[in-house]
């Protein structure tokens, strides 16, 4: 391993995979052929221009991006009034989480759900990825292994006692039963986890997708779960992980992707900088790679959730 403190220059790296067109109201596809095991990136970053009437939240919904995700990618763009013609970054490139590439994987700090499956009818390995909402700090989404145990179309919602007590304290009591319909917070689709009380579901409040706003459940854009629901069989494995730092290879280049830590993890875990460098050094061990320290430091400072290349590769006297 060879380290360098100087800033490296990079040639433009093309997207690992082309986006596939899928049905749905989103203008951006969410399904990709699964790359080989030695490639960890899918998707591509794009840009668009705001319309006069747009907010960043409108643009996020249009292009299948989460709310916090689009704010982190565009720190200098006004959330509520970007302005006609304002350039907006669409963070569509991701590093796959460190997890088994099988079934559903939820990376909680990233607020993004991945589904690894075989397409019909040719059984080609695929991965779909969607922005989601997760639990608030006081109602955090649990980590660990689970399964999908039941799927409900047009579900009835039975508010748990904890939510009914919270609603009473706010002066907005909940009924014992909420039937299917526009007032149902579960929306039209719900997939129940083996962890009691937790679901992956649609919503009647889509502009909260991509934020910490739920009571622990995983909330999706209605059009996304409508696409995902028929693909996921009962008993599908669900891996729920906490990975604010992700690294991954694209050919001979190592990429780093950093997300903000969960609030409840601040000050508890090992410093993110130390953790990131441990992961990077493990990844480049026995490889003749040059690290771009300046880019690593910037990624750790900004935590904008977008993958950046952090190495060049040296082989046979040539630097790539």
C-alpha atoms as a PDB file:
ATOM      1  CA  UNK A   1       0.000   0.000   0.000  1.00  0.00           C
ATOM      2  CA  UNK A   2       1.368   3.419  -0.953  1.00  0.00           C
ATOM      3  CA  UNK A   3       0.001   6.578   0.681  1.00  0.00           C
ATOM      4  CA  UNK A   4       0.195  10.112  -0.629  1.00  0.00           C
ATOM      5  CA  UNK A   5      -0.901  13.363   1.021  1.00  0.00           C
ATOM      6  CA  UNK A   6      -1.048  15.233  -2.252  1.00  0.00           C
ATOM      7  CA  UNK A   7      -4.336  15.878  -3.987  1.00  0.00           C
ATOM      8  CA  UNK A   8      -4.925  13.521  -6.863  1.00  0.00           C
ATOM      9  CA  UNK A   9      -6.603  14.376 -10.180  1.00  0.00           C
ATOM     10  CA  UNK A  10      -9.188  11.983 -11.511  1.00  0.00           C
ATOM     11  CA  UNK A  11     -10.571  11.273 -14.925  1.00  0.00           C
ATOM     12  CA  UNK A  12     -14.333  11.132 -15.135  1.00  0.00           C
ATOM     13  CA  UNK A  13     -15.562   7.655 -14.228  1.00  0.00           C
ATOM     14  CA  UNK A  14     -18.603   6.496 -16.087  1.00  0.00           C
ATOM     15  CA  UNK A  15     -21.547   4.932 -14.262  1.00  0.00           C
ATOM     16  CA  UNK A  16     -21.066   1.277 -13.433  1.00  0.00           C
ATOM     17  CA  UNK A  17     -24.420   0.328 -14.841  1.00  0.00           C
ATOM     18  CA  UNK A  18     -27.046   1.891 -17.036  1.00  0.00           C
ATOM     19  CA  UNK A  19     -30.373   2.719 -15.466  1.00  0.00           C
ATOM     20  CA  UNK A  20     -33.317   0.603 -16.523  1.00  0.00           C
ATOM     21  CA  UNK A  21     -36.698   2.058 -17.351  1.00  0.00           C
ATOM     22  CA  UNK A  22     -39.455   0.874 -15.048  1.00  0.00           C
ATOM     23  CA  UNK A  23     -43.093   1.727 -14.648  1.00  0.00           C
ATOM     24  CA  UNK A  24     -44.089   4.309 -12.063  1.00  0.00           C
ATOM     25  CA  UNK A  25     -44.463   8.035 -11.626  1.00  0.00           C
ATOM     26  CA  UNK A  26     -40.826   8.654 -10.746  1.00  0.00           C
ATOM     27  CA  UNK A  27     -38.713  10.041 -13.577  1.00  0.00           C
ATOM     28  CA  UNK A  28     -35.706   8.064 -12.395  1.00  0.00           C
ATOM     29  CA  UNK A  29     -35.429   4.301 -12.444  1.00  0.00           C
ATOM     30  CA  UNK A  30     -34.580   2.449  -9.245  1.00  0.00           C
ATOM     31  CA  UNK A  31     -33.637  -1.029 -10.504  1.00  0.00           C
ATOM     32  CA  UNK A  32     -30.218  -2.106 -11.738  1.00  0.00           C
ATOM     33  CA  UNK A  33     -28.516  -5.317 -12.813  1.00  0.00           C
ATOM     34  CA  UNK A  34     -26.578  -6.582  -9.808  1.00  0.00           C
ATOM     35  CA  UNK A  35     -22.855  -5.999 -10.406  1.00  0.00           C
ATOM     36  CA  UNK A  36     -20.214  -8.703  -9.872  1.00  0.00           C
ATOM     37  CA  UNK A  37     -19.121  -9.304  -6.292  1.00  0.00           C
ATOM     38  CA  UNK A  38     -15.954  -7.227  -6.802  1.00  0.00           C
ATOM     39  CA  UNK A  39     -17.986  -4.148  -7.854  1.00  0.00           C
ATOM     40  CA  UNK A  40     -19.887  -2.254  -5.168  1.00  0.00           C
ATOM     41  CA  UNK A  41     -21.436   0.775  -6.920  1.00  0.00           C
ATOM     42  CA  UNK A  42     -24.726   1.140  -8.775  1.00  0.00           C
ATOM     43  CA  UNK A  43     -26.547   4.102 -10.292  1.00  0.00           C
ATOM     44  CA  UNK A  44     -25.229   7.483 -11.321  1.00  0.00           C
ATOM     45  CA  UNK A  45     -25.283  11.073 -10.163  1.00  0.00           C
ATOM     46  CA  UNK A  46     -27.243  13.528 -12.290  1.00  0.00           C
ATOM     47  CA  UNK A  47     -28.305  17.147 -12.238  1.00  0.00           C
ATOM     48  CA  UNK A  48     -31.512  18.942 -13.103  1.00  0.00           C
ATOM     49  CA  UNK A  49     -32.826  22.491 -13.132  1.00  0.00           C
ATOM     50  CA  UNK A  50     -35.580  23.669 -10.825  1.00  0.00           C
ATOM     51  CA  UNK A  51     -38.852  24.956 -12.217  1.00  0.00           C
ATOM     52  CA  UNK A  52     -40.211  28.275 -10.983  1.00  0.00           C
ATOM     53  CA  UNK A  53     -42.776  26.579  -8.733  1.00  0.00           C
ATOM     54  CA  UNK A  54     -40.437  23.872  -7.381  1.00  0.00           C
ATOM     55  CA  UNK A  55     -39.198  23.281  -3.870  1.00  0.00           C
ATOM     56  CA  UNK A  56     -36.342  20.858  -3.269  1.00  0.00           C
ATOM     57  CA  UNK A  57     -38.925  18.506  -1.793  1.00  0.00           C
ATOM     58  CA  UNK A  58     -40.869  18.509  -5.065  1.00  0.00           C
ATOM     59  CA  UNK A  59     -37.709  17.680  -6.979  1.00  0.00           C
ATOM     60  CA  UNK A  60     -36.818  14.912  -4.536  1.00  0.00           C
ATOM     61  CA  UNK A  61     -40.188  13.228  -5.037  1.00  0.00           C
ATOM     62  CA  UNK A  62     -39.998  13.647  -8.812  1.00  0.00           C
ATOM     63  CA  UNK A  63     -36.609  11.952  -9.038  1.00  0.00           C
ATOM     64  CA  UNK A  64     -37.053   9.338  -6.319  1.00  0.00           C
ATOM     65  CA  UNK A  65     -34.714  10.931  -3.772  1.00  0.00           C
ATOM     66  CA  UNK A  66     -35.223  11.245  -0.014  1.00  0.00           C
ATOM     67  CA  UNK A  67     -35.792  14.604   1.667  1.00  0.00           C
ATOM     68  CA  UNK A  68     -32.635  14.733   3.804  1.00  0.00           C
ATOM     69  CA  UNK A  69     -30.718  13.152   0.940  1.00  0.00           C
ATOM     70  CA  UNK A  70     -31.436  15.985  -1.486  1.00  0.00           C
ATOM     71  CA  UNK A  71     -30.717  18.649   1.160  1.00  0.00           C
ATOM     72  CA  UNK A  72     -27.298  17.151   1.934  1.00  0.00           C
ATOM     73  CA  UNK A  73     -26.453  16.989  -1.766  1.00  0.00           C
ATOM     74  CA  UNK A  74     -27.448  20.643  -2.294  1.00  0.00           C
ATOM     75  CA  UNK A  75     -26.325  22.605   0.800  1.00  0.00           C
ATOM     76  CA  UNK A  76     -26.291  25.933  -1.032  1.00  0.00           C
ATOM     77  CA  UNK A  77     -29.749  25.613  -2.621  1.00  0.00           C
ATOM     78  CA  UNK A  78     -32.752  27.064  -0.803  1.00  0.00           C
ATOM     79  CA  UNK A  79     -35.069  24.269   0.334  1.00  0.00           C
ATOM     80  CA  UNK A  80     -38.306  26.159  -0.254  1.00  0.00           C
ATOM     81  CA  UNK A  81     -37.406  28.459  -3.144  1.00  0.00           C
ATOM     82  CA  UNK A  82     -34.524  27.138  -5.267  1.00  0.00           C
ATOM     83  CA  UNK A  83     -35.481  29.521  -8.070  1.00  0.00           C
ATOM     84  CA  UNK A  84     -36.245  28.844 -11.702  1.00  0.00           C
ATOM     85  CA  UNK A  85     -33.238  27.349 -13.464  1.00  0.00           C
ATOM     86  CA  UNK A  86     -31.308  26.600 -10.245  1.00  0.00           C
ATOM     87  CA  UNK A  87     -29.013  23.610 -10.679  1.00  0.00           C
ATOM     88  CA  UNK A  88     -29.918  20.725  -8.368  1.00  0.00           C
ATOM     89  CA  UNK A  89     -27.746  17.651  -7.800  1.00  0.00           C
ATOM     90  CA  UNK A  90     -29.624  14.338  -7.855  1.00  0.00           C
ATOM     91  CA  UNK A  91     -27.609  11.873  -5.718  1.00  0.00           C
ATOM     92  CA  UNK A  92     -28.445   8.634  -7.502  1.00  0.00           C
ATOM     93  CA  UNK A  93     -25.153   6.769  -7.182  1.00  0.00           C
ATOM     94  CA  UNK A  94     -24.702   4.516  -4.152  1.00  0.00           C
ATOM     95  CA  UNK A  95     -22.279   2.025  -2.654  1.00  0.00           C
ATOM     96  CA  UNK A  96     -24.017  -1.222  -1.779  1.00  0.00           C
ATOM     97  CA  UNK A  97     -24.092  -1.834   1.998  1.00  0.00           C
ATOM     98  CA  UNK A  98     -21.827  -4.410   3.612  1.00  0.00           C
ATOM     99  CA  UNK A  99     -24.430  -7.142   3.897  1.00  0.00           C
ATOM    100  CA  UNK A 100     -25.450 -10.337   2.209  1.00  0.00           C
ATOM    101  CA  UNK A 101     -26.732  -9.501  -1.269  1.00  0.00           C
ATOM    102  CA  UNK A 102     -29.955 -11.345  -0.739  1.00  0.00           C
ATOM    103  CA  UNK A 103     -33.439 -10.136   0.155  1.00  0.00           C
ATOM    104  CA  UNK A 104     -34.028  -6.737   1.752  1.00  0.00           C
ATOM    105  CA  UNK A 105     -31.276  -4.614   3.315  1.00  0.00           C
ATOM    106  CA  UNK A 106     -32.103  -1.412   5.196  1.00  0.00           C
ATOM    107  CA  UNK A 107     -29.211   0.924   6.017  1.00  0.00           C
ATOM    108  CA  UNK A 108     -30.745   3.070   8.739  1.00  0.00           C
ATOM    109  CA  UNK A 109     -28.485   6.191   8.736  1.00  0.00           C
ATOM    110  CA  UNK A 110     -28.593   6.255   4.937  1.00  0.00           C
ATOM    111  CA  UNK A 111     -32.409   6.021   5.061  1.00  0.00           C
ATOM    112  CA  UNK A 112     -32.320   3.754   2.048  1.00  0.00           C
ATOM    113  CA  UNK A 113     -33.749   0.297   1.372  1.00  0.00           C
ATOM    114  CA  UNK A 114     -32.164  -2.232  -1.004  1.00  0.00           C
ATOM    115  CA  UNK A 115     -33.808  -5.314  -2.488  1.00  0.00           C
ATOM    116  CA  UNK A 116     -31.684  -8.062  -4.058  1.00  0.00           C
ATOM    117  CA  UNK A 117     -33.680 -10.429  -6.239  1.00  0.00           C
ATOM    118  CA  UNK A 118     -33.787 -12.338  -9.532  1.00  0.00           C
ATOM    119  CA  UNK A 119     -35.768 -10.765 -12.352  1.00  0.00           C
ATOM    120  CA  UNK A 120     -38.495 -12.540 -14.278  1.00  0.00           C
ATOM    121  CA  UNK A 121     -38.417 -14.435 -16.543  1.00  0.00           C
ATOM    122  CA  UNK A 122     -34.644 -14.753 -17.083  1.00  0.00           C
ATOM    123  CA  UNK A 123     -33.704 -14.830 -13.361  1.00  0.00           C
ATOM    124  CA  UNK A 124     -31.078 -12.161 -13.858  1.00  0.00           C
ATOM    125  CA  UNK A 125     -29.730 -10.891 -10.499  1.00  0.00           C
ATOM    126  CA  UNK A 126     -31.008  -7.374  -9.801  1.00  0.00           C
ATOM    127  CA  UNK A 127     -30.926  -4.765  -7.076  1.00  0.00           C
ATOM    128  CA  UNK A 128     -33.603  -2.143  -6.448  1.00  0.00           C
ATOM    129  CA  UNK A 129     -33.022   0.795  -4.120  1.00  0.00           C
ATOM    130  CA  UNK A 130     -35.456   3.261  -2.576  1.00  0.00           C
ATOM    131  CA  UNK A 131     -35.380   6.191  -0.141  1.00  0.00           C
ATOM    132  CA  UNK A 132     -37.283   5.569   3.092  1.00  0.00           C
ATOM    133  CA  UNK A 133     -38.222   7.218   6.354  1.00  0.00           C
ATOM    134  CA  UNK A 134     -37.090   5.677   9.641  1.00  0.00           C
ATOM    135  CA  UNK A 135     -37.926   6.050  13.323  1.00  0.00           C
ATOM    136  CA  UNK A 136     -37.344   9.205  15.299  1.00  0.00           C
ATOM    137  CA  UNK A 137     -34.660   9.192  17.973  1.00  0.00           C
ATOM    138  CA  UNK A 138     -37.239   8.337  20.641  1.00  0.00           C
ATOM    139  CA  UNK A 139     -38.837   5.659  18.420  1.00  0.00           C
ATOM    140  CA  UNK A 140     -35.752   4.302  16.681  1.00  0.00           C
ATOM    141  CA  UNK A 141     -35.925   1.604  13.994  1.00  0.00           C
ATOM    142  CA  UNK A 142     -34.467  -1.651  15.428  1.00  0.00           C
ATOM    143  CA  UNK A 143     -31.315  -3.207  13.978  1.00  0.00           C
ATOM    144  CA  UNK A 144     -30.718  -6.886  13.254  1.00  0.00           C
ATOM    145  CA  UNK A 145     -32.216  -9.712  11.241  1.00  0.00           C
ATOM    146  CA  UNK A 146     -35.891 -10.115  10.439  1.00  0.00           C
ATOM    147  CA  UNK A 147     -38.260 -11.551   7.842  1.00  0.00           C
ATOM    148  CA  UNK A 148     -41.364 -10.431   6.007  1.00  0.00           C
ATOM    149  CA  UNK A 149     -44.116 -12.418   7.697  1.00  0.00           C
ATOM    150  CA  UNK A 150     -47.248 -10.898   6.149  1.00  0.00           C
ATOM    151  CA  UNK A 151     -48.222  -8.641   3.251  1.00  0.00           C
ATOM    152  CA  UNK A 152     -51.371  -6.525   3.308  1.00  0.00           C
ATOM    153  CA  UNK A 153     -52.949  -4.631   0.445  1.00  0.00           C
ATOM    154  CA  UNK A 154     -55.212  -1.793   1.637  1.00  0.00           C
ATOM    155  CA  UNK A 155     -54.352  -2.559   5.276  1.00  0.00           C
ATOM    156  CA  UNK A 156     -56.412  -1.663   8.313  1.00  0.00           C
ATOM    157  CA  UNK A 157     -54.412   0.180  10.977  1.00  0.00           C
ATOM    158  CA  UNK A 158     -54.806  -0.609  14.655  1.00  0.00           C
ATOM    159  CA  UNK A 159     -52.910   2.144  16.508  1.00  0.00           C
ATOM    160  CA  UNK A 160     -50.876   0.693  19.400  1.00  0.00           C
ATOM    161  CA  UNK A 161     -51.490   1.953  22.920  1.00  0.00           C
ATOM    162  CA  UNK A 162     -48.223   3.894  22.960  1.00  0.00           C
ATOM    163  CA  UNK A 163     -49.300   5.960  19.951  1.00  0.00           C
ATOM    164  CA  UNK A 164     -52.790   6.469  21.342  1.00  0.00           C
ATOM    165  CA  UNK A 165     -51.333   7.820  24.582  1.00  0.00           C
ATOM    166  CA  UNK A 166     -49.004  10.134  22.662  1.00  0.00           C
ATOM    167  CA  UNK A 167     -51.917  11.386  20.557  1.00  0.00           C
ATOM    168  CA  UNK A 168     -54.045  12.026  23.638  1.00  0.00           C
ATOM    169  CA  UNK A 169     -51.206  14.057  25.168  1.00  0.00           C
ATOM    170  CA  UNK A 170     -51.158  16.182  22.018  1.00  0.00           C
ATOM    171  CA  UNK A 171     -54.921  16.669  22.097  1.00  0.00           C
ATOM    172  CA  UNK A 172     -55.491  14.641  18.908  1.00  0.00           C
ATOM    173  CA  UNK A 173     -56.814  11.241  20.079  1.00  0.00           C
ATOM    174  CA  UNK A 174     -56.694   8.316  17.674  1.00  0.00           C
ATOM    175  CA  UNK A 175     -59.518   5.842  16.996  1.00  0.00           C
ATOM    176  CA  UNK A 176     -59.090   2.183  17.861  1.00  0.00           C
ATOM    177  CA  UNK A 177     -59.297   1.225  14.177  1.00  0.00           C
ATOM    178  CA  UNK A 178     -58.410   3.165  11.011  1.00  0.00           C
ATOM    179  CA  UNK A 179     -59.926   1.483   7.922  1.00  0.00           C
ATOM    180  CA  UNK A 180     -58.317   1.512   4.465  1.00  0.00           C
ATOM    181  CA  UNK A 181     -58.538   4.855   2.724  1.00  0.00           C
ATOM    182  CA  UNK A 182     -56.842   8.231   2.351  1.00  0.00           C
ATOM    183  CA  UNK A 183     -56.761   8.823   6.135  1.00  0.00           C
ATOM    184  CA  UNK A 184     -54.844   5.591   6.793  1.00  0.00           C
ATOM    185  CA  UNK A 185     -51.151   6.383   7.532  1.00  0.00           C
ATOM    186  CA  UNK A 186     -50.120   2.952   6.215  1.00  0.00           C
ATOM    187  CA  UNK A 187     -51.252   3.868   2.713  1.00  0.00           C
ATOM    188  CA  UNK A 188     -52.226   1.086   0.345  1.00  0.00           C
ATOM    189  CA  UNK A 189     -49.440  -1.432   1.055  1.00  0.00           C
ATOM    190  CA  UNK A 190     -47.837  -2.846   4.182  1.00  0.00           C
ATOM    191  CA  UNK A 191     -45.261  -5.594   4.709  1.00  0.00           C
ATOM    192  CA  UNK A 192     -45.078  -6.794   8.307  1.00  0.00           C
ATOM    193  CA  UNK A 193     -41.743  -7.741   9.849  1.00  0.00           C
ATOM    194  CA  UNK A 194     -41.075 -10.611  12.236  1.00  0.00           C
ATOM    195  CA  UNK A 195     -40.088  -7.902  14.746  1.00  0.00           C
ATOM    196  CA  UNK A 196     -43.486  -7.299  16.407  1.00  0.00           C
ATOM    197  CA  UNK A 197     -45.049  -3.928  15.690  1.00  0.00           C
ATOM    198  CA  UNK A 198     -42.761  -2.956  12.786  1.00  0.00           C
ATOM    199  CA  UNK A 199     -43.708  -2.658   9.125  1.00  0.00           C
ATOM    200  CA  UNK A 200     -42.466  -1.467   5.769  1.00  0.00           C
ATOM    201  CA  UNK A 201     -45.390   0.505   4.419  1.00  0.00           C
ATOM    202  CA  UNK A 202     -46.710   3.218   2.144  1.00  0.00           C
ATOM    203  CA  UNK A 203     -47.895   6.564   3.471  1.00  0.00           C
ATOM    204  CA  UNK A 204     -50.482   9.295   3.103  1.00  0.00           C
ATOM    205  CA  UNK A 205     -47.738  11.845   3.884  1.00  0.00           C
ATOM    206  CA  UNK A 206     -45.149  11.247   1.137  1.00  0.00           C
ATOM    207  CA  UNK A 207     -43.227  14.472   1.710  1.00  0.00           C
ATOM    208  CA  UNK A 208     -41.810  12.977   4.917  1.00  0.00           C
ATOM    209  CA  UNK A 209     -40.036  10.159   3.068  1.00  0.00           C
ATOM    210  CA  UNK A 210     -36.305  10.325   3.594  1.00  0.00           C
ATOM    211  CA  UNK A 211     -36.512  11.802   7.110  1.00  0.00           C
ATOM    212  CA  UNK A 212     -36.623  10.542  10.705  1.00  0.00           C
ATOM    213  CA  UNK A 213     -40.339  10.978  11.226  1.00  0.00           C
ATOM    214  CA  UNK A 214     -41.852   7.565  12.002  1.00  0.00           C
ATOM    215  CA  UNK A 215     -42.459   5.622  15.207  1.00  0.00           C
ATOM    216  CA  UNK A 216     -39.955   2.975  14.096  1.00  0.00           C
ATOM    217  CA  UNK A 217     -41.601   1.702  10.927  1.00  0.00           C
ATOM    218  CA  UNK A 218     -40.092   2.072   7.468  1.00  0.00           C
ATOM    219  CA  UNK A 219     -42.089   4.446   5.268  1.00  0.00           C
ATOM    220  CA  UNK A 220     -41.833   4.513   1.457  1.00  0.00           C
ATOM    221  CA  UNK A 221     -43.105   6.708  -1.363  1.00  0.00           C
ATOM    222  CA  UNK A 222     -46.468   5.249  -2.500  1.00  0.00           C
ATOM    223  CA  UNK A 223     -45.229   4.637  -6.046  1.00  0.00           C
ATOM    224  CA  UNK A 224     -42.112   2.844  -4.768  1.00  0.00           C
ATOM    225  CA  UNK A 225     -43.851   0.347  -2.519  1.00  0.00           C
ATOM    226  CA  UNK A 226     -46.427  -0.237  -5.254  1.00  0.00           C
ATOM    227  CA  UNK A 227     -43.495  -1.357  -7.420  1.00  0.00           C
ATOM    228  CA  UNK A 228     -41.753  -3.326  -4.663  1.00  0.00           C
ATOM    229  CA  UNK A 229     -44.763  -5.001  -3.027  1.00  0.00           C
ATOM    230  CA  UNK A 230     -45.465  -7.664  -5.695  1.00  0.00           C
ATOM    231  CA  UNK A 231     -41.757  -8.554  -5.980  1.00  0.00           C
ATOM    232  CA  UNK A 232     -41.169  -9.445  -2.327  1.00  0.00           C
ATOM    233  CA  UNK A 233     -42.439 -12.853  -1.180  1.00  0.00           C
ATOM    234  CA  UNK A 234     -43.398 -13.640   2.396  1.00  0.00           C
ATOM    235  CA  UNK A 235     -40.409 -15.013   4.363  1.00  0.00           C
ATOM    236  CA  UNK A 236     -37.968 -12.703   2.556  1.00  0.00           C
ATOM    237  CA  UNK A 237     -34.934 -11.994   4.728  1.00  0.00           C
ATOM    238  CA  UNK A 238     -34.565  -8.417   6.040  1.00  0.00           C
ATOM    239  CA  UNK A 239     -31.164  -7.179   7.216  1.00  0.00           C
ATOM    240  CA  UNK A 240     -31.294  -3.881   9.152  1.00  0.00           C
ATOM    241  CA  UNK A 241     -27.830  -2.330   9.489  1.00  0.00           C
ATOM    242  CA  UNK A 242     -26.231   0.861  10.789  1.00  0.00           C
ATOM    243  CA  UNK A 243     -23.539   1.912   8.295  1.00  0.00           C
ATOM    244  CA  UNK A 244     -22.967   5.684   8.093  1.00  0.00           C
ATOM    245  CA  UNK A 245     -19.637   4.960   6.376  1.00  0.00           C
ATOM    246  CA  UNK A 246     -19.557   2.808   3.259  1.00  0.00           C
ATOM    247  CA  UNK A 247     -16.609   1.979   1.029  1.00  0.00           C
ATOM    248  CA  UNK A 248     -16.634   0.049  -2.216  1.00  0.00           C
ATOM    249  CA  UNK A 249     -14.677  -0.762  -5.347  1.00  0.00           C
ATOM    250  CA  UNK A 250     -15.440   0.157  -8.928  1.00  0.00           C
ATOM    251  CA  UNK A 251     -12.820  -1.593 -11.039  1.00  0.00           C
ATOM    252  CA  UNK A 252      -9.498  -0.448  -9.546  1.00  0.00           C
ATOM    253  CA  UNK A 253     -10.871   2.624  -7.745  1.00  0.00           C
ATOM    254  CA  UNK A 254     -12.002   2.699  -4.130  1.00  0.00           C
ATOM    255  CA  UNK A 255     -14.961   4.946  -3.294  1.00  0.00           C
ATOM    256  CA  UNK A 256     -16.025   6.430   0.038  1.00  0.00           C
ATOM    257  CA  UNK A 257     -19.603   7.386   0.981  1.00  0.00           C
ATOM    258  CA  UNK A 258     -20.307   9.108   4.311  1.00  0.00           C
ATOM    259  CA  UNK A 259     -23.696   9.829   5.880  1.00  0.00           C
ATOM    260  CA  UNK A 260     -24.469  11.678   9.124  1.00  0.00           C
ATOM    261  CA  UNK A 261     -24.511   9.429  12.168  1.00  0.00           C
ATOM    262  CA  UNK A 262     -27.775   8.755  13.910  1.00  0.00           C
ATOM    263  CA  UNK A 263     -28.282  11.267  16.718  1.00  0.00           C
ATOM    264  CA  UNK A 264     -28.335   8.523  19.335  1.00  0.00           C
ATOM    265  CA  UNK A 265     -24.906   7.301  18.165  1.00  0.00           C
ATOM    266  CA  UNK A 266     -23.143  10.635  18.543  1.00  0.00           C
ATOM    267  CA  UNK A 267     -20.385  10.267  21.125  1.00  0.00           C
ATOM    268  CA  UNK A 268     -21.103   6.557  21.628  1.00  0.00           C
ATOM    269  CA  UNK A 269     -19.181   4.889  18.845  1.00  0.00           C
ATOM    270  CA  UNK A 270     -15.610   5.103  17.748  1.00  0.00           C
ATOM    271  CA  UNK A 271     -14.780   8.393  16.070  1.00  0.00           C
ATOM    272  CA  UNK A 272     -16.003   8.313  12.447  1.00  0.00           C
ATOM    273  CA  UNK A 273     -12.635   9.478  11.131  1.00  0.00           C
ATOM    274  CA  UNK A 274     -10.759   6.626  12.813  1.00  0.00           C
ATOM    275  CA  UNK A 275     -13.411   4.136  11.716  1.00  0.00           C
ATOM    276  CA  UNK A 276     -13.262   5.361   8.121  1.00  0.00           C
ATOM    277  CA  UNK A 277      -9.480   5.075   7.929  1.00  0.00           C
ATOM    278  CA  UNK A 278      -9.563   1.578   9.434  1.00  0.00           C
ATOM    279  CA  UNK A 279     -12.026   0.511   6.764  1.00  0.00           C
ATOM    280  CA  UNK A 280     -10.016   2.172   3.998  1.00  0.00           C
ATOM    281  CA  UNK A 281      -6.694   0.660   5.110  1.00  0.00           C
ATOM    282  CA  UNK A 282      -8.283  -2.798   5.313  1.00  0.00           C
ATOM    283  CA  UNK A 283      -9.680  -2.366   1.796  1.00  0.00           C
ATOM    284  CA  UNK A 284      -6.369  -1.324   0.203  1.00  0.00           C
ATOM    285  CA  UNK A 285      -4.169  -3.756   2.119  1.00  0.00           C
ATOM    286  CA  UNK A 286      -1.914  -5.629  -0.297  1.00  0.00           C
ATOM    287  CA  UNK A 287      -2.966  -3.297  -3.128  1.00  0.00           C
ATOM    288  CA  UNK A 288      -0.608  -0.780  -4.696  1.00  0.00           C
ATOM    289  CA  UNK A 289      -3.028   2.104  -4.281  1.00  0.00           C
ATOM    290  CA  UNK A 290      -2.504   5.813  -3.624  1.00  0.00           C
ATOM    291  CA  UNK A 291      -4.979   7.423  -1.227  1.00  0.00           C
ATOM    292  CA  UNK A 292      -6.368  10.887  -1.854  1.00  0.00           C
ATOM    293  CA  UNK A 293      -6.264  12.165   1.729  1.00  0.00           C
ATOM    294  CA  UNK A 294      -7.735  15.555   0.841  1.00  0.00           C
ATOM    295  CA  UNK A 295     -10.864  13.978  -0.669  1.00  0.00           C
ATOM    296  CA  UNK A 296     -11.213  11.595   2.287  1.00  0.00           C
ATOM    297  CA  UNK A 297     -11.098  14.500   4.750  1.00  0.00           C
ATOM    298  CA  UNK A 298     -13.643  16.470   2.721  1.00  0.00           C
ATOM    299  CA  UNK A 299     -16.057  13.518   2.560  1.00  0.00           C
ATOM    300  CA  UNK A 300     -15.806  12.990   6.324  1.00  0.00           C
ATOM    301  CA  UNK A 301     -16.448  16.669   6.937  1.00  0.00           C
ATOM    302  CA  UNK A 302     -19.361  17.135   4.521  1.00  0.00           C
ATOM    303  CA  UNK A 303     -21.133  13.784   5.126  1.00  0.00           C
ATOM    304  CA  UNK A 304     -23.276  14.418   2.061  1.00  0.00           C
ATOM    305  CA  UNK A 305     -23.965  10.763   1.270  1.00  0.00           C
ATOM    306  CA  UNK A 306     -22.445  10.819  -2.229  1.00  0.00           C
ATOM    307  CA  UNK A 307     -19.686   8.350  -3.202  1.00  0.00           C
ATOM    308  CA  UNK A 308     -16.332   9.907  -4.098  1.00  0.00           C
ATOM    309  CA  UNK A 309     -13.222   8.201  -5.541  1.00  0.00           C
ATOM    310  CA  UNK A 310     -10.389   8.135  -3.010  1.00  0.00           C
ATOM    311  CA  UNK A 311      -7.635   6.090  -4.689  1.00  0.00           C
ATOM    312  CA  UNK A 312      -5.620   5.743  -7.810  1.00  0.00           C
ATOM    313  CA  UNK A 313      -4.141   2.391  -8.701  1.00  0.00           C
ATOM    314  CA  UNK A 314      -0.541   1.669  -9.670  1.00  0.00           C
ATOM    315  CA  UNK A 315       0.387  -1.386 -11.700  1.00  0.00           C
ATOM    316  CA  UNK A 316       3.422  -2.234 -13.838  1.00  0.00           C
ATOM    317  CA  UNK A 317       4.799   1.273 -13.422  1.00  0.00           C
ATOM    318  CA  UNK A 318       1.640   2.993 -14.643  1.00  0.00           C
ATOM    319  CA  UNK A 319      -0.739   5.123 -12.551  1.00  0.00           C
ATOM    320  CA  UNK A 320      -4.456   5.057 -13.378  1.00  0.00           C
END
